[in-house]
C-alpha atoms as a PDB file:
ATOM      1  CA  MET A   1       0.000   0.000   0.000  1.00  0.00           C
ATOM      2  CA  PRO A   2       2.803   2.553   0.610  1.00  0.00           C
ATOM      3  CA  TYR A   3       3.925   2.173  -3.029  1.00  0.00           C
ATOM      4  CA  LEU A   4       0.351   2.580  -4.318  1.00  0.00           C
ATOM      5  CA  LYS A   5      -0.071   5.700  -2.167  1.00  0.00           C
ATOM      6  CA  ALA A   6       3.161   7.121  -3.620  1.00  0.00           C
ATOM      7  CA  VAL A   7       1.939   6.430  -7.174  1.00  0.00           C
ATOM      8  CA  ILE A   8      -1.394   8.152  -6.476  1.00  0.00           C
ATOM      9  CA  LEU A   9       0.280  11.191  -4.910  1.00  0.00           C
ATOM     10  CA  GLU A  10       2.726  11.435  -7.823  1.00  0.00           C
ATOM     11  CA  GLY A  11      -0.178  11.232 -10.271  1.00  0.00           C
ATOM     12  CA  LEU A  12      -1.952  14.057  -8.444  1.00  0.00           C
ATOM     13  CA  ARG A  13       1.266  16.102  -8.357  1.00  0.00           C
ATOM     14  CA  ARG A  14       1.990  15.670 -12.064  1.00  0.00           C
ATOM     15  CA  HIS A  15      -1.646  15.971 -13.211  1.00  0.00           C
ATOM     16  CA  PRO A  16      -3.806  17.752 -10.620  1.00  0.00           C
ATOM     17  CA  PRO A  17      -7.550  17.777 -11.438  1.00  0.00           C
ATOM     18  CA  GLY A  18      -7.603  21.562 -11.049  1.00  0.00           C
ATOM     19  CA  HIS A  19      -4.710  23.818 -12.009  1.00  0.00           C
ATOM     20  CA  PHE A  20      -5.691  26.736  -9.769  1.00  0.00           C
ATOM     21  CA  VAL A  21      -6.649  27.126  -6.110  1.00  0.00           C
ATOM     22  CA  LEU A  22      -9.067  29.836  -5.042  1.00  0.00           C
ATOM     23  CA  PRO A  23      -7.617  33.348  -5.477  1.00  0.00           C
ATOM     24  CA  HIS A  24      -6.012  34.988  -2.460  1.00  0.00           C
ATOM     25  CA  ARG A  25      -6.091  38.704  -1.620  1.00  0.00           C
ATOM     26  CA  VAL A  26      -3.290  40.549   0.172  1.00  0.00           C
ATOM     27  CA  LYS A  27      -4.146  42.865   3.087  1.00  0.00           C
ATOM     28  CA  GLU A  28      -1.189  45.203   2.584  1.00  0.00           C
ATOM     29  CA  ASP A  29       1.464  45.961  -0.030  1.00  0.00           C
ATOM     30  CA  THR A  30       3.542  42.795  -0.317  1.00  0.00           C
ATOM     31  CA  LEU A  31       6.759  41.883  -2.093  1.00  0.00           C
ATOM     32  CA  LEU A  32       6.496  38.462  -3.728  1.00  0.00           C
ATOM     33  CA  GLY A  33       9.934  37.696  -5.127  1.00  0.00           C
ATOM     34  CA  ASP A  34      10.732  40.720  -7.286  1.00  0.00           C
ATOM     35  CA  TYR A  35       7.068  41.707  -7.696  1.00  0.00           C
ATOM     36  CA  LEU A  36       5.076  44.221  -5.688  1.00  0.00           C
ATOM     37  CA  VAL A  37       1.515  43.087  -5.030  1.00  0.00           C
ATOM     38  CA  PRO A  38      -0.514  46.167  -4.033  1.00  0.00           C
ATOM     39  CA  LYS A  39      -2.922  46.193  -1.093  1.00  0.00           C
ATOM     40  CA  ASP A  40      -6.176  44.354  -1.964  1.00  0.00           C
ATOM     41  CA  GLY A  41      -4.418  42.812  -4.976  1.00  0.00           C
ATOM     42  CA  THR A  42      -5.444  39.285  -5.996  1.00  0.00           C
ATOM     43  CA  ILE A  43      -3.008  36.394  -6.385  1.00  0.00           C
ATOM     44  CA  ASN A  44      -3.758  33.152  -8.239  1.00  0.00           C
ATOM     45  CA  PHE A  45      -1.596  30.110  -7.535  1.00  0.00           C
ATOM     46  CA  MET A  46      -1.013  27.579 -10.297  1.00  0.00           C
ATOM     47  CA  VAL A  47      -1.050  24.241  -8.445  1.00  0.00           C
ATOM     48  CA  ALA A  48       0.216  22.404 -11.523  1.00  0.00           C
ATOM     49  CA  ASP A  49       3.255  24.690 -11.814  1.00  0.00           C
ATOM     50  CA  ILE A  50       4.032  24.328  -8.102  1.00  0.00           C
ATOM     51  CA  GLY A  51       3.981  20.539  -8.486  1.00  0.00           C
ATOM     52  CA  TRP A  52       6.408  20.694 -11.418  1.00  0.00           C
ATOM     53  CA  ASP A  53       8.860  23.039  -9.648  1.00  0.00           C
ATOM     54  CA  PRO A  54      12.005  20.997  -8.888  1.00  0.00           C
ATOM     55  CA  MET A  55      12.962  23.441  -6.101  1.00  0.00           C
ATOM     56  CA  GLY A  56       9.537  23.501  -4.446  1.00  0.00           C
ATOM     57  CA  ASP A  57       8.690  22.026  -1.081  1.00  0.00           C
ATOM     58  CA  GLU A  58       6.952  18.638  -1.428  1.00  0.00           C
ATOM     59  CA  ASP A  59       4.140  19.648   0.900  1.00  0.00           C
ATOM     60  CA  ASP A  60       3.303  22.729  -1.211  1.00  0.00           C
ATOM     61  CA  ALA A  61       2.359  20.532  -4.164  1.00  0.00           C
ATOM     62  CA  PHE A  62      -0.408  18.774  -2.246  1.00  0.00           C
ATOM     63  CA  CYS A  63      -2.071  21.509  -0.275  1.00  0.00           C
ATOM     64  CA  ALA A  64      -3.652  24.906  -0.481  1.00  0.00           C
ATOM     65  CA  GLY A  65      -2.593  26.251   2.892  1.00  0.00           C
ATOM     66  CA  ARG A  66      -4.596  26.272   6.097  1.00  0.00           C
ATOM     67  CA  ARG A  67      -7.897  26.671   4.247  1.00  0.00           C
ATOM     68  CA  ILE A  68      -7.583  23.353   2.449  1.00  0.00           C
ATOM     69  CA  CYS A  69     -10.723  21.226   2.197  1.00  0.00           C
ATOM     70  CA  PRO A  70     -11.282  19.493   5.559  1.00  0.00           C
ATOM     71  CA  GLY A  71     -12.289  16.313   3.726  1.00  0.00           C
ATOM     72  CA  PHE A  72      -9.002  16.060   1.804  1.00  0.00           C
ATOM     73  CA  GLY A  73      -7.515  13.327   4.016  1.00  0.00           C
ATOM     74  CA  LEU A  74     -10.668  11.216   3.908  1.00  0.00           C
ATOM     75  CA  ALA A  75     -11.010  11.676   0.137  1.00  0.00           C
ATOM     76  CA  LEU A  76      -7.388  10.594  -0.383  1.00  0.00           C
ATOM     77  CA  LEU A  77      -7.934   7.522   1.797  1.00  0.00           C
ATOM     78  CA  HIS A  78     -11.010   6.551  -0.224  1.00  0.00           C
ATOM     79  CA  LEU A  79      -9.126   7.105  -3.475  1.00  0.00           C
ATOM     80  CA  GLU A  80      -6.322   4.805  -2.317  1.00  0.00           C
ATOM     81  CA  TYR A  81      -8.738   2.007  -1.362  1.00  0.00           C
ATOM     82  CA  PHE A  82     -10.744   2.464  -4.558  1.00  0.00           C
ATOM     83  CA  VAL A  83      -7.658   2.217  -6.794  1.00  0.00           C
ATOM     84  CA  ALA A  84      -6.273  -0.691  -4.731  1.00  0.00           C
ATOM     85  CA  ASN A  85      -9.511  -2.642  -5.233  1.00  0.00           C
ATOM     86  CA  LEU A  86      -9.565  -1.897  -8.968  1.00  0.00           C
ATOM     87  CA  ILE A  87      -6.020  -3.253  -9.300  1.00  0.00           C
ATOM     88  CA  TRP A  88      -6.628  -6.254  -7.034  1.00  0.00           C
ATOM     89  CA  ARG A  89      -9.915  -7.402  -8.574  1.00  0.00           C
ATOM     90  CA  PHE A  90      -9.385  -6.626 -12.263  1.00  0.00           C
ATOM     91  CA  GLU A  91      -6.761  -7.196 -14.947  1.00  0.00           C
ATOM     92  CA  TRP A  92      -6.124  -4.128 -17.099  1.00  0.00           C
ATOM     93  CA  LYS A  93      -4.831  -4.163 -20.704  1.00  0.00           C
ATOM     94  CA  ALA A  94      -4.510  -1.351 -23.229  1.00  0.00           C
ATOM     95  CA  VAL A  95      -6.862  -1.678 -26.183  1.00  0.00           C
ATOM     96  CA  GLY A  96      -5.214  -2.650 -29.493  1.00  0.00           C
ATOM     97  CA  GLY A  97      -1.885  -0.841 -29.360  1.00  0.00           C
ATOM     98  CA  ASP A  98      -3.238   2.578 -28.376  1.00  0.00           C
ATOM     99  CA  GLU A  99      -0.521   5.132 -27.723  1.00  0.00           C
ATOM    100  CA  ILE A 100      -0.710   6.595 -24.226  1.00  0.00           C
ATOM    101  CA  SER A 101      -0.576  10.373 -24.266  1.00  0.00           C
ATOM    102  CA  LEU A 102      -0.509  12.398 -21.052  1.00  0.00           C
ATOM    103  CA  GLU A 103      -1.609  15.619 -22.797  1.00  0.00           C
ATOM    104  CA  GLU A 104      -4.308  17.495 -20.907  1.00  0.00           C
ATOM    105  CA  MET A 105      -7.233  19.724 -21.804  1.00  0.00           C
ATOM    106  CA  GLN A 106      -9.476  21.960 -19.739  1.00  0.00           C
ATOM    107  CA  ASN A 107     -13.007  20.664 -19.226  1.00  0.00           C
ATOM    108  CA  PHE A 108     -14.962  21.154 -15.991  1.00  0.00           C
ATOM    109  CA  THR A 109     -11.699  19.919 -14.479  1.00  0.00           C
ATOM    110  CA  VAL A 110      -8.450  19.053 -16.228  1.00  0.00           C
ATOM    111  CA  VAL A 111      -8.845  15.793 -18.183  1.00  0.00           C
ATOM    112  CA  MET A 112      -6.762  13.711 -20.574  1.00  0.00           C
ATOM    113  CA  LYS A 113      -6.894  15.034 -24.133  1.00  0.00           C
ATOM    114  CA  ASN A 114      -7.001  11.453 -25.459  1.00  0.00           C
ATOM    115  CA  PRO A 115      -8.725   9.270 -22.827  1.00  0.00           C
ATOM    116  CA  LEU A 116      -7.263   5.843 -22.160  1.00  0.00           C
ATOM    117  CA  MET A 117      -9.117   2.871 -23.591  1.00  0.00           C
ATOM    118  CA  ALA A 118      -8.703  -0.308 -21.556  1.00  0.00           C
ATOM    119  CA  HIS A 119      -9.937  -3.891 -21.688  1.00  0.00           C
ATOM    120  CA  ILE A 120     -10.882  -4.945 -18.179  1.00  0.00           C
ATOM    121  CA  SER A 121     -11.416  -8.530 -17.034  1.00  0.00           C
ATOM    122  CA  THR A 122     -11.934  -9.996 -13.600  1.00  0.00           C
ATOM    123  CA  ARG A 123      -9.051 -11.722 -11.842  1.00  0.00           C
ATOM    124  CA  ASN A 124      -9.372 -15.195 -10.405  1.00  0.00           C
ATOM    125  CA  ILE A 125      -8.788 -14.460  -6.748  1.00  0.00           C
END
């Protein structure tokens, strides 16, 4: 299970379902790197870019600060068990030589540009 959890977290880091978190507003003039953000200015954080930053802190890629969704931990736990059961109970094969492309496109959330097609069969457990 630790390896599966690492794979899921890496998948969320590399391809988060949403590329932005809610905008933040500064209460006073603030220097952000070399940029001056004026009082009441709005800042948008690109979660996807943070996750791809090789110098970033690991924890920054998976959170949105202290106002993160309180159900995040429970949702991640359910995702891990859901994926673990899909892998344990079913055998997965790519359909007829399809190329796997990780290109993304914006829909309601960020989705694969070319969705994966898989043949799924039950395992003999």
